[in-house]
Amino acid sequence: MSDIQKDQEFLEYVVKTLVDNPQDVKVDRKVDEMGVLITLDVSPLDMGKVIGRQGNTAKAIRTLLRVVGMKNNARVNLKINEPEGSTRQPSTSATESVDQAMADLKF
């Protein structure tokens, strides 16, 4: 395995260590003029473990991947795919959330 693919190997190791279903972890690596894009797929049951509270785990993984990439003179970005059948709602603005909560309470 070349030095360039150490980022993919690193990500697989970290994520498989974090999750309950390591057999469902899939990592795809593409290189273009913008750098390296690593795409991660995990079981829907493990998505929370990979994202972490307020996205902190995902941010930490991205930071570490950038460090690994810098050692190999590559810009590395991570995309975490939404699992099939996910029930997560698209994010809405805080104002819309408050307005909806008020409407639900019928104020």
PDB file of N, CA and C in Angstrom:
ATOM      1  N   MET A   1       0.847  -1.182   0.000  1.00  0.00           N
ATOM      2  CA  MET A   1       0.000   0.000   0.000  1.00  0.00           C
ATOM      3  C   MET A   1       0.891   1.244   0.000  1.00  0.00           C
ATOM      4  N   SER A   2       0.566   2.182  -0.868  1.00  0.00           N
ATOM      5  CA  SER A   2       1.385   3.387  -0.965  1.00  0.00           C
ATOM      6  C   SER A   2       1.102   4.334   0.202  1.00  0.00           C
ATOM      7  N   ASP A   3       2.010   5.299   0.390  1.00  0.00           N
ATOM      8  CA  ASP A   3       1.834   6.295   1.445  1.00  0.00           C
ATOM      9  C   ASP A   3       0.553   7.104   1.243  1.00  0.00           C
ATOM     10  N   ILE A   4       0.193   7.299  -0.016  1.00  0.00           N
ATOM     11  CA  ILE A   4      -0.970   8.123  -0.318  1.00  0.00           C
ATOM     12  C   ILE A   4      -2.252   7.491   0.220  1.00  0.00           C
ATOM     13  N   GLN A   5      -2.343   6.168   0.272  1.00  0.00           N
ATOM     14  CA  GLN A   5      -3.570   5.520   0.723  1.00  0.00           C
ATOM     15  C   GLN A   5      -3.617   5.301   2.235  1.00  0.00           C
ATOM     16  N   LYS A   6      -2.641   5.806   2.953  1.00  0.00           N
ATOM     17  CA  LYS A   6      -2.656   5.669   4.407  1.00  0.00           C
ATOM     18  C   LYS A   6      -3.844   6.404   5.017  1.00  0.00           C
ATOM     19  N   ASP A   7      -4.323   7.459   4.362  1.00  0.00           N
ATOM     20  CA  ASP A   7      -5.488   8.178   4.870  1.00  0.00           C
ATOM     21  C   ASP A   7      -6.713   7.268   4.893  1.00  0.00           C
ATOM     22  N   GLN A   8      -6.896   6.487   3.845  1.00  0.00           N
ATOM     23  CA  GLN A   8      -8.031   5.558   3.776  1.00  0.00           C
ATOM     24  C   GLN A   8      -7.876   4.461   4.828  1.00  0.00           C
ATOM     25  N   GLU A   9      -6.694   3.919   4.952  1.00  0.00           N
ATOM     26  CA  GLU A   9      -6.424   2.870   5.939  1.00  0.00           C
ATOM     27  C   GLU A   9      -6.665   3.394   7.358  1.00  0.00           C
ATOM     28  N   PHE A  10      -6.209   4.621   7.626  1.00  0.00           N
ATOM     29  CA  PHE A  10      -6.393   5.253   8.930  1.00  0.00           C
ATOM     30  C   PHE A  10      -7.882   5.420   9.250  1.00  0.00           C
ATOM     31  N   LEU A  11      -8.641   5.946   8.282  1.00  0.00           N
ATOM     32  CA  LEU A  11     -10.077   6.165   8.500  1.00  0.00           C
ATOM     33  C   LEU A  11     -10.790   4.847   8.777  1.00  0.00           C
ATOM     34  N   GLU A  12     -10.507   3.824   7.982  1.00  0.00           N
ATOM     35  CA  GLU A  12     -11.138   2.517   8.202  1.00  0.00           C
ATOM     36  C   GLU A  12     -10.852   2.003   9.603  1.00  0.00           C
ATOM     37  N   TYR A  13      -9.608   2.106  10.047  1.00  0.00           N
ATOM     38  CA  TYR A  13      -9.234   1.621  11.374  1.00  0.00           C
ATOM     39  C   TYR A  13     -10.000   2.376  12.460  1.00  0.00           C
ATOM     40  N   VAL A  14     -10.011   3.700  12.388  1.00  0.00           N
ATOM     41  CA  VAL A  14     -10.663   4.515  13.428  1.00  0.00           C
ATOM     42  C   VAL A  14     -12.162   4.236  13.471  1.00  0.00           C
ATOM     43  N   VAL A  15     -12.817   4.256  12.322  1.00  0.00           N
ATOM     44  CA  VAL A  15     -14.274   4.093  12.287  1.00  0.00           C
ATOM     45  C   VAL A  15     -14.671   2.684  12.707  1.00  0.00           C
ATOM     46  N   LYS A  16     -13.960   1.669  12.225  1.00  0.00           N
ATOM     47  CA  LYS A  16     -14.297   0.293  12.607  1.00  0.00           C
ATOM     48  C   LYS A  16     -14.104   0.069  14.102  1.00  0.00           C
ATOM     49  N   THR A  17     -13.201   0.816  14.719  1.00  0.00           N
ATOM     50  CA  THR A  17     -12.998   0.728  16.164  1.00  0.00           C
ATOM     51  C   THR A  17     -14.153   1.392  16.922  1.00  0.00           C
ATOM     52  N   LEU A  18     -14.728   2.446  16.344  1.00  0.00           N
ATOM     53  CA  LEU A  18     -15.813   3.200  16.995  1.00  0.00           C
ATOM     54  C   LEU A  18     -17.168   2.502  16.946  1.00  0.00           C
ATOM     55  N   VAL A  19     -17.464   1.821  15.856  1.00  0.00           N
ATOM     56  CA  VAL A  19     -18.827   1.345  15.601  1.00  0.00           C
ATOM     57  C   VAL A  19     -19.088  -0.062  16.130  1.00  0.00           C
ATOM     58  N   ASP A  20     -20.376  -0.413  16.210  1.00  0.00           N
ATOM     59  CA  ASP A  20     -20.792  -1.755  16.628  1.00  0.00           C
ATOM     60  C   ASP A  20     -20.862  -2.728  15.451  1.00  0.00           C
ATOM     61  N   ASN A  21     -20.959  -2.197  14.234  1.00  0.00           N
ATOM     62  CA  ASN A  21     -21.093  -3.024  13.028  1.00  0.00           C
ATOM     63  C   ASN A  21     -19.951  -2.730  12.047  1.00  0.00           C
ATOM     64  N   PRO A  22     -18.723  -3.117  12.394  1.00  0.00           N
ATOM     65  CA  PRO A  22     -17.584  -2.778  11.528  1.00  0.00           C
ATOM     66  C   PRO A  22     -17.680  -3.399  10.138  1.00  0.00           C
ATOM     67  N   GLN A  23     -18.422  -4.482   9.996  1.00  0.00           N
ATOM     68  CA  GLN A  23     -18.555  -5.113   8.680  1.00  0.00           C
ATOM     69  C   GLN A  23     -19.332  -4.229   7.706  1.00  0.00           C
ATOM     70  N   ASP A  24     -20.082  -3.253   8.218  1.00  0.00           N
ATOM     71  CA  ASP A  24     -20.870  -2.358   7.367  1.00  0.00           C
ATOM     72  C   ASP A  24     -20.120  -1.089   6.966  1.00  0.00           C
ATOM     73  N   VAL A  25     -18.890  -0.926   7.447  1.00  0.00           N
ATOM     74  CA  VAL A  25     -18.107   0.268   7.131  1.00  0.00           C
ATOM     75  C   VAL A  25     -17.545   0.129   5.713  1.00  0.00           C
ATOM     76  N   LYS A  26     -17.812   1.148   4.892  1.00  0.00           N
ATOM     77  CA  LYS A  26     -17.283   1.170   3.526  1.00  0.00           C
ATOM     78  C   LYS A  26     -16.619   2.526   3.296  1.00  0.00           C
ATOM     79  N   VAL A  27     -15.399   2.481   2.786  1.00  0.00           N
ATOM     80  CA  VAL A  27     -14.648   3.699   2.542  1.00  0.00           C
ATOM     81  C   VAL A  27     -14.262   3.734   1.067  1.00  0.00           C
ATOM     82  N   ASP A  28     -14.576   4.841   0.401  1.00  0.00           N
ATOM     83  CA  ASP A  28     -14.221   5.016  -1.001  1.00  0.00           C
ATOM     84  C   ASP A  28     -13.306   6.231  -1.102  1.00  0.00           C
ATOM     85  N   ARG A  29     -12.282   6.137  -1.915  1.00  0.00           N
ATOM     86  CA  ARG A  29     -11.289   7.205  -2.036  1.00  0.00           C
ATOM     87  C   ARG A  29     -11.168   7.625  -3.494  1.00  0.00           C
ATOM     88  N   LYS A  30     -11.318   8.941  -3.734  1.00  0.00           N
ATOM     89  CA  LYS A  30     -11.170   9.485  -5.082  1.00  0.00           C
ATOM     90  C   LYS A  30     -10.182  10.650  -5.037  1.00  0.00           C
ATOM     91  N   VAL A  31      -9.353  10.740  -6.063  1.00  0.00           N
ATOM     92  CA  VAL A  31      -8.384  11.821  -6.159  1.00  0.00           C
ATOM     93  C   VAL A  31      -8.686  12.630  -7.410  1.00  0.00           C
ATOM     94  N   ASP A  32      -8.725  13.973  -7.257  1.00  0.00           N
ATOM     95  CA  ASP A  32      -8.880  14.850  -8.412  1.00  0.00           C
ATOM     96  C   ASP A  32      -8.012  16.082  -8.206  1.00  0.00           C
ATOM     97  N   GLU A  33      -8.212  17.104  -9.033  1.00  0.00           N
ATOM     98  CA  GLU A  33      -7.360  18.298  -8.935  1.00  0.00           C
ATOM     99  C   GLU A  33      -7.560  19.056  -7.627  1.00  0.00           C
ATOM    100  N   MET A  34      -8.678  18.830  -6.941  1.00  0.00           N
ATOM    101  CA  MET A  34      -8.951  19.504  -5.668  1.00  0.00           C
ATOM    102  C   MET A  34      -8.307  18.789  -4.482  1.00  0.00           C
ATOM    103  N   GLY A  35      -7.900  17.556  -4.672  1.00  0.00           N
ATOM    104  CA  GLY A  35      -7.295  16.788  -3.585  1.00  0.00           C
ATOM    105  C   GLY A  35      -7.931  15.417  -3.478  1.00  0.00           C
ATOM    106  N   VAL A  36      -7.984  14.913  -2.250  1.00  0.00           N
ATOM    107  CA  VAL A  36      -8.513  13.578  -1.986  1.00  0.00           C
ATOM    108  C   VAL A  36      -9.886  13.722  -1.338  1.00  0.00           C
ATOM    109  N   LEU A  37     -10.855  12.987  -1.855  1.00  0.00           N
ATOM    110  CA  LEU A  37     -12.179  12.938  -1.242  1.00  0.00           C
ATOM    111  C   LEU A  37     -12.412  11.515  -0.785  1.00  0.00           C
ATOM    112  N   ILE A  38     -12.590  11.360   0.517  1.00  0.00           N
ATOM    113  CA  ILE A  38     -12.882  10.048   1.077  1.00  0.00           C
ATOM    114  C   ILE A  38     -14.341  10.049   1.492  1.00  0.00           C
ATOM    115  N   THR A  39     -15.079   9.054   0.993  1.00  0.00           N
ATOM    116  CA  THR A  39     -16.502   8.932   1.290  1.00  0.00           C
ATOM    117  C   THR A  39     -16.699   7.758   2.233  1.00  0.00           C
ATOM    118  N   LEU A  40     -17.454   7.997   3.298  1.00  0.00           N
ATOM    119  CA  LEU A  40     -17.667   6.994   4.337  1.00  0.00           C
ATOM    120  C   LEU A  40     -19.132   6.590   4.398  1.00  0.00           C
ATOM    121  N   ASP A  41     -19.372   5.279   4.416  1.00  0.00           N
ATOM    122  CA  ASP A  41     -20.712   4.722   4.627  1.00  0.00           C
ATOM    123  C   ASP A  41     -20.647   3.830   5.859  1.00  0.00           C
ATOM    124  N   VAL A  42     -21.636   3.985   6.753  1.00  0.00           N
ATOM    125  CA  VAL A  42     -21.734   3.134   7.941  1.00  0.00           C
ATOM    126  C   VAL A  42     -23.176   2.688   8.108  1.00  0.00           C
ATOM    127  N   SER A  43     -23.389   1.723   8.982  1.00  0.00           N
ATOM    128  CA  SER A  43     -24.732   1.261   9.304  1.00  0.00           C
ATOM    129  C   SER A  43     -25.537   2.418   9.906  1.00  0.00           C
ATOM    130  N   PRO A  44     -26.832   2.507   9.601  1.00  0.00           N
ATOM    131  CA  PRO A  44     -27.659   3.552  10.222  1.00  0.00           C
ATOM    132  C   PRO A  44     -27.600   3.507  11.751  1.00  0.00           C
ATOM    133  N   LEU A  45     -27.414   2.320  12.318  1.00  0.00           N
ATOM    134  CA  LEU A  45     -27.348   2.177  13.778  1.00  0.00           C
ATOM    135  C   LEU A  45     -26.077   2.805  14.352  1.00  0.00           C
ATOM    136  N   ASP A  46     -25.041   2.949  13.529  1.00  0.00           N
ATOM    137  CA  ASP A  46     -23.758   3.477  14.000  1.00  0.00           C
ATOM    138  C   ASP A  46     -23.531   4.945  13.656  1.00  0.00           C
ATOM    139  N   MET A  47     -24.463   5.551  12.947  1.00  0.00           N
ATOM    140  CA  MET A  47     -24.264   6.919  12.482  1.00  0.00           C
ATOM    141  C   MET A  47     -24.006   7.879  13.643  1.00  0.00           C
ATOM    142  N   GLY A  48     -24.736   7.722  14.727  1.00  0.00           N
ATOM    143  CA  GLY A  48     -24.556   8.605  15.880  1.00  0.00           C
ATOM    144  C   GLY A  48     -23.167   8.504  16.482  1.00  0.00           C
ATOM    145  N   LYS A  49     -22.598   7.320  16.463  1.00  0.00           N
ATOM    146  CA  LYS A  49     -21.249   7.134  17.008  1.00  0.00           C
ATOM    147  C   LYS A  49     -20.205   7.835  16.154  1.00  0.00           C
ATOM    148  N   VAL A  50     -20.416   7.831  14.846  1.00  0.00           N
ATOM    149  CA  VAL A  50     -19.454   8.455  13.931  1.00  0.00           C
ATOM    150  C   VAL A  50     -19.580   9.981  13.973  1.00  0.00           C
ATOM    151  N   ILE A  51     -20.806  10.476  14.068  1.00  0.00           N
ATOM    152  CA  ILE A  51     -21.028  11.919  14.110  1.00  0.00           C
ATOM    153  C   ILE A  51     -20.679  12.482  15.489  1.00  0.00           C
ATOM    154  N   GLY A  52     -21.145  11.843  16.540  1.00  0.00           N
ATOM    155  CA  GLY A  52     -20.863  12.320  17.894  1.00  0.00           C
ATOM    156  C   GLY A  52     -21.767  13.475  18.275  1.00  0.00           C
ATOM    157  N   ARG A  53     -21.667  13.869  19.532  1.00  0.00           N
ATOM    158  CA  ARG A  53     -22.476  14.991  20.024  1.00  0.00           C
ATOM    159  C   ARG A  53     -22.074  16.269  19.318  1.00  0.00           C
ATOM    160  N   GLN A  54     -23.057  16.938  18.759  1.00  0.00           N
ATOM    161  CA  GLN A  54     -22.874  18.194  18.023  1.00  0.00           C
ATOM    162  C   GLN A  54     -21.811  18.062  16.932  1.00  0.00           C
ATOM    163  N   GLY A  55     -21.627  16.846  16.422  1.00  0.00           N
ATOM    164  CA  GLY A  55     -20.684  16.628  15.333  1.00  0.00           C
ATOM    165  C   GLY A  55     -19.222  16.594  15.750  1.00  0.00           C
ATOM    166  N   ASN A  56     -18.966  16.525  17.051  1.00  0.00           N
ATOM    167  CA  ASN A  56     -17.585  16.614  17.532  1.00  0.00           C
ATOM    168  C   ASN A  56     -16.717  15.449  17.092  1.00  0.00           C
ATOM    169  N   THR A  57     -17.258  14.239  17.061  1.00  0.00           N
ATOM    170  CA  THR A  57     -16.459  13.086  16.636  1.00  0.00           C
ATOM    171  C   THR A  57     -16.102  13.218  15.159  1.00  0.00           C
ATOM    172  N   ALA A  58     -17.071  13.584  14.329  1.00  0.00           N
ATOM    173  CA  ALA A  58     -16.817  13.761  12.898  1.00  0.00           C
ATOM    174  C   ALA A  58     -15.784  14.866  12.667  1.00  0.00           C
ATOM    175  N   LYS A  59     -15.877  15.963  13.421  1.00  0.00           N
ATOM    176  CA  LYS A  59     -14.901  17.053  13.287  1.00  0.00           C
ATOM    177  C   LYS A  59     -13.502  16.575  13.647  1.00  0.00           C
ATOM    178  N   ALA A  60     -13.400  15.788  14.714  1.00  0.00           N
ATOM    179  CA  ALA A  60     -12.090  15.274  15.134  1.00  0.00           C
ATOM    180  C   ALA A  60     -11.506  14.338  14.078  1.00  0.00           C
ATOM    181  N   ILE A  61     -12.340  13.476  13.512  1.00  0.00           N
ATOM    182  CA  ILE A  61     -11.879  12.557  12.461  1.00  0.00           C
ATOM    183  C   ILE A  61     -11.400  13.353  11.254  1.00  0.00           C
ATOM    184  N   ARG A  62     -12.148  14.384  10.873  1.00  0.00           N
ATOM    185  CA  ARG A  62     -11.743  15.216   9.730  1.00  0.00           C
ATOM    186  C   ARG A  62     -10.408  15.911  10.002  1.00  0.00           C
ATOM    187  N   THR A  63     -10.234  16.410  11.208  1.00  0.00           N
ATOM    188  CA  THR A  63      -8.979  17.074  11.562  1.00  0.00           C
ATOM    189  C   THR A  63      -7.814  16.101  11.466  1.00  0.00           C
ATOM    190  N   LEU A  64      -7.981  14.907  12.013  1.00  0.00           N
ATOM    191  CA  LEU A  64      -6.914  13.908  11.955  1.00  0.00           C
ATOM    192  C   LEU A  64      -6.615  13.494  10.514  1.00  0.00           C
ATOM    193  N   LEU A  65      -7.647  13.373   9.689  1.00  0.00           N
ATOM    194  CA  LEU A  65      -7.432  13.030   8.279  1.00  0.00           C
ATOM    195  C   LEU A  65      -6.633  14.117   7.567  1.00  0.00           C
ATOM    196  N   ARG A  66      -6.900  15.368   7.898  1.00  0.00           N
ATOM    197  CA  ARG A  66      -6.141  16.463   7.276  1.00  0.00           C
ATOM    198  C   ARG A  66      -4.672  16.391   7.676  1.00  0.00           C
ATOM    199  N   VAL A  67      -4.416  16.020   8.931  1.00  0.00           N
ATOM    200  CA  VAL A  67      -3.029  15.879   9.396  1.00  0.00           C
ATOM    201  C   VAL A  67      -2.335  14.754   8.636  1.00  0.00           C
ATOM    202  N   VAL A  68      -3.016  13.622   8.492  1.00  0.00           N
ATOM    203  CA  VAL A  68      -2.457  12.498   7.732  1.00  0.00           C
ATOM    204  C   VAL A  68      -2.190  12.945   6.296  1.00  0.00           C
ATOM    205  N   GLY A  69      -3.121  13.690   5.719  1.00  0.00           N
ATOM    206  CA  GLY A  69      -2.951  14.185   4.355  1.00  0.00           C
ATOM    207  C   GLY A  69      -1.788  15.139   4.224  1.00  0.00           C
ATOM    208  N   MET A  70      -1.615  16.030   5.205  1.00  0.00           N
ATOM    209  CA  MET A  70      -0.506  16.990   5.161  1.00  0.00           C
ATOM    210  C   MET A  70       0.842  16.276   5.165  1.00  0.00           C
ATOM    211  N   LYS A  71       0.933  15.177   5.887  1.00  0.00           N
ATOM    212  CA  LYS A  71       2.179  14.403   5.898  1.00  0.00           C
ATOM    213  C   LYS A  71       2.500  13.865   4.514  1.00  0.00           C
ATOM    214  N   ASN A  72       1.463  13.666   3.694  1.00  0.00           N
ATOM    215  CA  ASN A  72       1.646  13.138   2.341  1.00  0.00           C
ATOM    216  C   ASN A  72       1.420  14.206   1.269  1.00  0.00           C
ATOM    217  N   ASN A  73       1.453  15.491   1.693  1.00  0.00           N
ATOM    218  CA  ASN A  73       1.265  16.611   0.765  1.00  0.00           C
ATOM    219  C   ASN A  73      -0.030  16.495  -0.038  1.00  0.00           C
ATOM    220  N   ALA A  74      -1.116  16.123   0.637  1.00  0.00           N
ATOM    221  CA  ALA A  74      -2.413  15.993  -0.026  1.00  0.00           C
ATOM    222  C   ALA A  74      -3.488  16.678   0.818  1.00  0.00           C
ATOM    223  N   ARG A  75      -4.442  17.276   0.151  1.00  0.00           N
ATOM    224  CA  ARG A  75      -5.592  17.867   0.836  1.00  0.00           C
ATOM    225  C   ARG A  75      -6.664  16.790   0.913  1.00  0.00           C
ATOM    226  N   VAL A  76      -7.038  16.416   2.133  1.00  0.00           N
ATOM    227  CA  VAL A  76      -7.985  15.314   2.327  1.00  0.00           C
ATOM    228  C   VAL A  76      -9.290  15.859   2.904  1.00  0.00           C
ATOM    229  N   ASN A  77     -10.398  15.495   2.272  1.00  0.00           N
ATOM    230  CA  ASN A  77     -11.728  15.854   2.761  1.00  0.00           C
ATOM    231  C   ASN A  77     -12.535  14.588   2.982  1.00  0.00           C
ATOM    232  N   LEU A  78     -13.423  14.635   3.966  1.00  0.00           N
ATOM    233  CA  LEU A  78     -14.260  13.486   4.304  1.00  0.00           C
ATOM    234  C   LEU A  78     -15.725  13.829   4.091  1.00  0.00           C
ATOM    235  N   LYS A  79     -16.423  12.947   3.373  1.00  0.00           N
ATOM    236  CA  LYS A  79     -17.867  13.064   3.210  1.00  0.00           C
ATOM    237  C   LYS A  79     -18.486  11.842   3.872  1.00  0.00           C
ATOM    238  N   ILE A  80     -19.417  12.070   4.784  1.00  0.00           N
ATOM    239  CA  ILE A  80     -20.112  10.973   5.455  1.00  0.00           C
ATOM    240  C   ILE A  80     -21.497  10.877   4.820  1.00  0.00           C
ATOM    241  N   ASN A  81     -21.748   9.761   4.153  1.00  0.00           N
ATOM    242  CA  ASN A  81     -23.033   9.575   3.470  1.00  0.00           C
ATOM    243  C   ASN A  81     -24.143   9.285   4.462  1.00  0.00           C
ATOM    244  N   GLU A  82     -25.307   9.852   4.179  1.00  0.00           N
ATOM    245  CA  GLU A  82     -26.512   9.563   4.958  1.00  0.00           C
ATOM    246  C   GLU A  82     -26.912   8.110   4.664  1.00  0.00           C
ATOM    247  N   PRO A  83     -27.119   7.291   5.687  1.00  0.00           N
ATOM    248  CA  PRO A  83     -27.475   5.884   5.442  1.00  0.00           C
ATOM    249  C   PRO A  83     -28.847   5.739   4.806  1.00  0.00           C
ATOM    250  N   GLU A  84     -29.022   4.643   4.055  1.00  0.00           N
ATOM    251  CA  GLU A  84     -30.332   4.318   3.479  1.00  0.00           C
ATOM    252  C   GLU A  84     -31.356   4.197   4.603  1.00  0.00           C
ATOM    253  N   GLY A  85     -32.533   4.734   4.393  1.00  0.00           N
ATOM    254  CA  GLY A  85     -33.599   4.604   5.379  1.00  0.00           C
ATOM    255  C   GLY A  85     -33.427   5.488   6.598  1.00  0.00           C
ATOM    256  N   SER A  86     -32.566   6.484   6.510  1.00  0.00           N
ATOM    257  CA  SER A  86     -32.352   7.381   7.640  1.00  0.00           C
ATOM    258  C   SER A  86     -33.614   8.183   7.911  1.00  0.00           C
ATOM    259  N   THR A  87     -33.887   8.422   9.194  1.00  0.00           N
ATOM    260  CA  THR A  87     -35.083   9.178   9.560  1.00  0.00           C
ATOM    261  C   THR A  87     -34.735  10.577  10.034  1.00  0.00           C
ATOM    262  N   ARG A  88     -33.474  10.981   9.879  1.00  0.00           N
ATOM    263  CA  ARG A  88     -33.056  12.312  10.306  1.00  0.00           C
ATOM    264  C   ARG A  88     -33.778  13.360   9.472  1.00  0.00           C
ATOM    265  N   GLN A  89     -34.285  14.364  10.143  1.00  0.00           N
ATOM    266  CA  GLN A  89     -34.969  15.453   9.454  1.00  0.00           C
ATOM    267  C   GLN A  89     -33.936  16.438   8.929  1.00  0.00           C
ATOM    268  N   PRO A  90     -34.173  17.035   7.775  1.00  0.00           N
ATOM    269  CA  PRO A  90     -33.265  18.072   7.290  1.00  0.00           C
ATOM    270  C   PRO A  90     -33.234  19.213   8.291  1.00  0.00           C
ATOM    271  N   SER A  91     -32.076  19.828   8.434  1.00  0.00           N
ATOM    272  CA  SER A  91     -31.964  20.894   9.430  1.00  0.00           C
ATOM    273  C   SER A  91     -32.791  22.098   8.998  1.00  0.00           C
ATOM    274  N   THR A  92     -33.356  22.758   9.997  1.00  0.00           N
ATOM    275  CA  THR A  92     -34.125  23.970   9.734  1.00  0.00           C
ATOM    276  C   THR A  92     -33.512  25.074  10.576  1.00  0.00           C
ATOM    277  N   SER A  93     -33.837  26.299  10.233  1.00  0.00           N
ATOM    278  CA  SER A  93     -33.290  27.405  11.004  1.00  0.00           C
ATOM    279  C   SER A  93     -33.940  27.432  12.385  1.00  0.00           C
ATOM    280  N   ALA A  94     -33.276  28.079  13.326  1.00  0.00           N
ATOM    281  CA  ALA A  94     -33.786  28.172  14.698  1.00  0.00           C
ATOM    282  C   ALA A  94     -35.124  28.885  14.713  1.00  0.00           C
ATOM    283  N   THR A  95     -35.281  29.900  13.870  1.00  0.00           N
ATOM    284  CA  THR A  95     -36.538  30.642  13.827  1.00  0.00           C
ATOM    285  C   THR A  95     -37.681  29.741  13.389  1.00  0.00           C
ATOM    286  N   GLU A  96     -37.444  28.938  12.357  1.00  0.00           N
ATOM    287  CA  GLU A  96     -38.489  28.026  11.902  1.00  0.00           C
ATOM    288  C   GLU A  96     -38.841  27.028  12.987  1.00  0.00           C
ATOM    289  N   SER A  97     -37.843  26.543  13.732  1.00  0.00           N
ATOM    290  CA  SER A  97     -38.090  25.583  14.799  1.00  0.00           C
ATOM    291  C   SER A  97     -38.934  26.202  15.908  1.00  0.00           C
ATOM    292  N   VAL A  98     -38.609  27.430  16.282  1.00  0.00           N
ATOM    293  CA  VAL A  98     -39.367  28.121  17.320  1.00  0.00           C
ATOM    294  C   VAL A  98     -40.789  28.385  16.833  1.00  0.00           C
ATOM    295  N   ASP A  99     -40.916  28.848  15.582  1.00  0.00           N
ATOM    296  CA  ASP A  99     -42.244  29.107  15.017  1.00  0.00           C
ATOM    297  C   ASP A  99     -43.084  27.827  15.008  1.00  0.00           C
ATOM    298  N   GLN A 100     -42.468  26.706  14.637  1.00  0.00           N
ATOM    299  CA  GLN A 100     -43.191  25.432  14.592  1.00  0.00           C
ATOM    300  C   GLN A 100     -43.586  25.005  16.005  1.00  0.00           C
ATOM    301  N   ALA A 101     -42.686  25.184  16.979  1.00  0.00           N
ATOM    302  CA  ALA A 101     -42.986  24.815  18.363  1.00  0.00           C
ATOM    303  C   ALA A 101     -44.142  25.652  18.888  1.00  0.00           C
ATOM    304  N   MET A 102     -44.175  26.945  18.567  1.00  0.00           N
ATOM    305  CA  MET A 102     -45.265  27.820  18.999  1.00  0.00           C
ATOM    306  C   MET A 102     -46.576  27.390  18.345  1.00  0.00           C
ATOM    307  N   ALA A 103     -46.518  27.033  17.073  1.00  0.00           N
ATOM    308  CA  ALA A 103     -47.717  26.597  16.368  1.00  0.00           C
ATOM    309  C   ALA A 103     -48.226  25.291  16.980  1.00  0.00           C
ATOM    310  N   ASP A 104     -47.313  24.399  17.341  1.00  0.00           N
ATOM    311  CA  ASP A 104     -47.701  23.126  17.956  1.00  0.00           C
ATOM    312  C   ASP A 104     -48.372  23.363  19.297  1.00  0.00           C
ATOM    313  N   LEU A 105     -47.920  24.395  20.031  1.00  0.00           N
ATOM    314  CA  LEU A 105     -48.510  24.698  21.332  1.00  0.00           C
ATOM    315  C   LEU A 105     -49.778  25.540  21.180  1.00  0.00           C
ATOM    316  N   LYS A 106     -50.055  25.998  19.979  1.00  0.00           N
ATOM    317  CA  LYS A 106     -51.234  26.799  19.641  1.00  0.00           C
ATOM    318  C   LYS A 106     -51.299  28.118  20.422  1.00  0.00           C
ATOM    319  N   PHE A 107     -50.141  28.773  20.513  1.00  0.00           N
ATOM    320  CA  PHE A 107     -50.104  30.110  21.139  1.00  0.00           C
ATOM    321  C   PHE A 107     -50.470  31.154  20.140  1.00  0.00           C
TER     322      PHE A 107
END
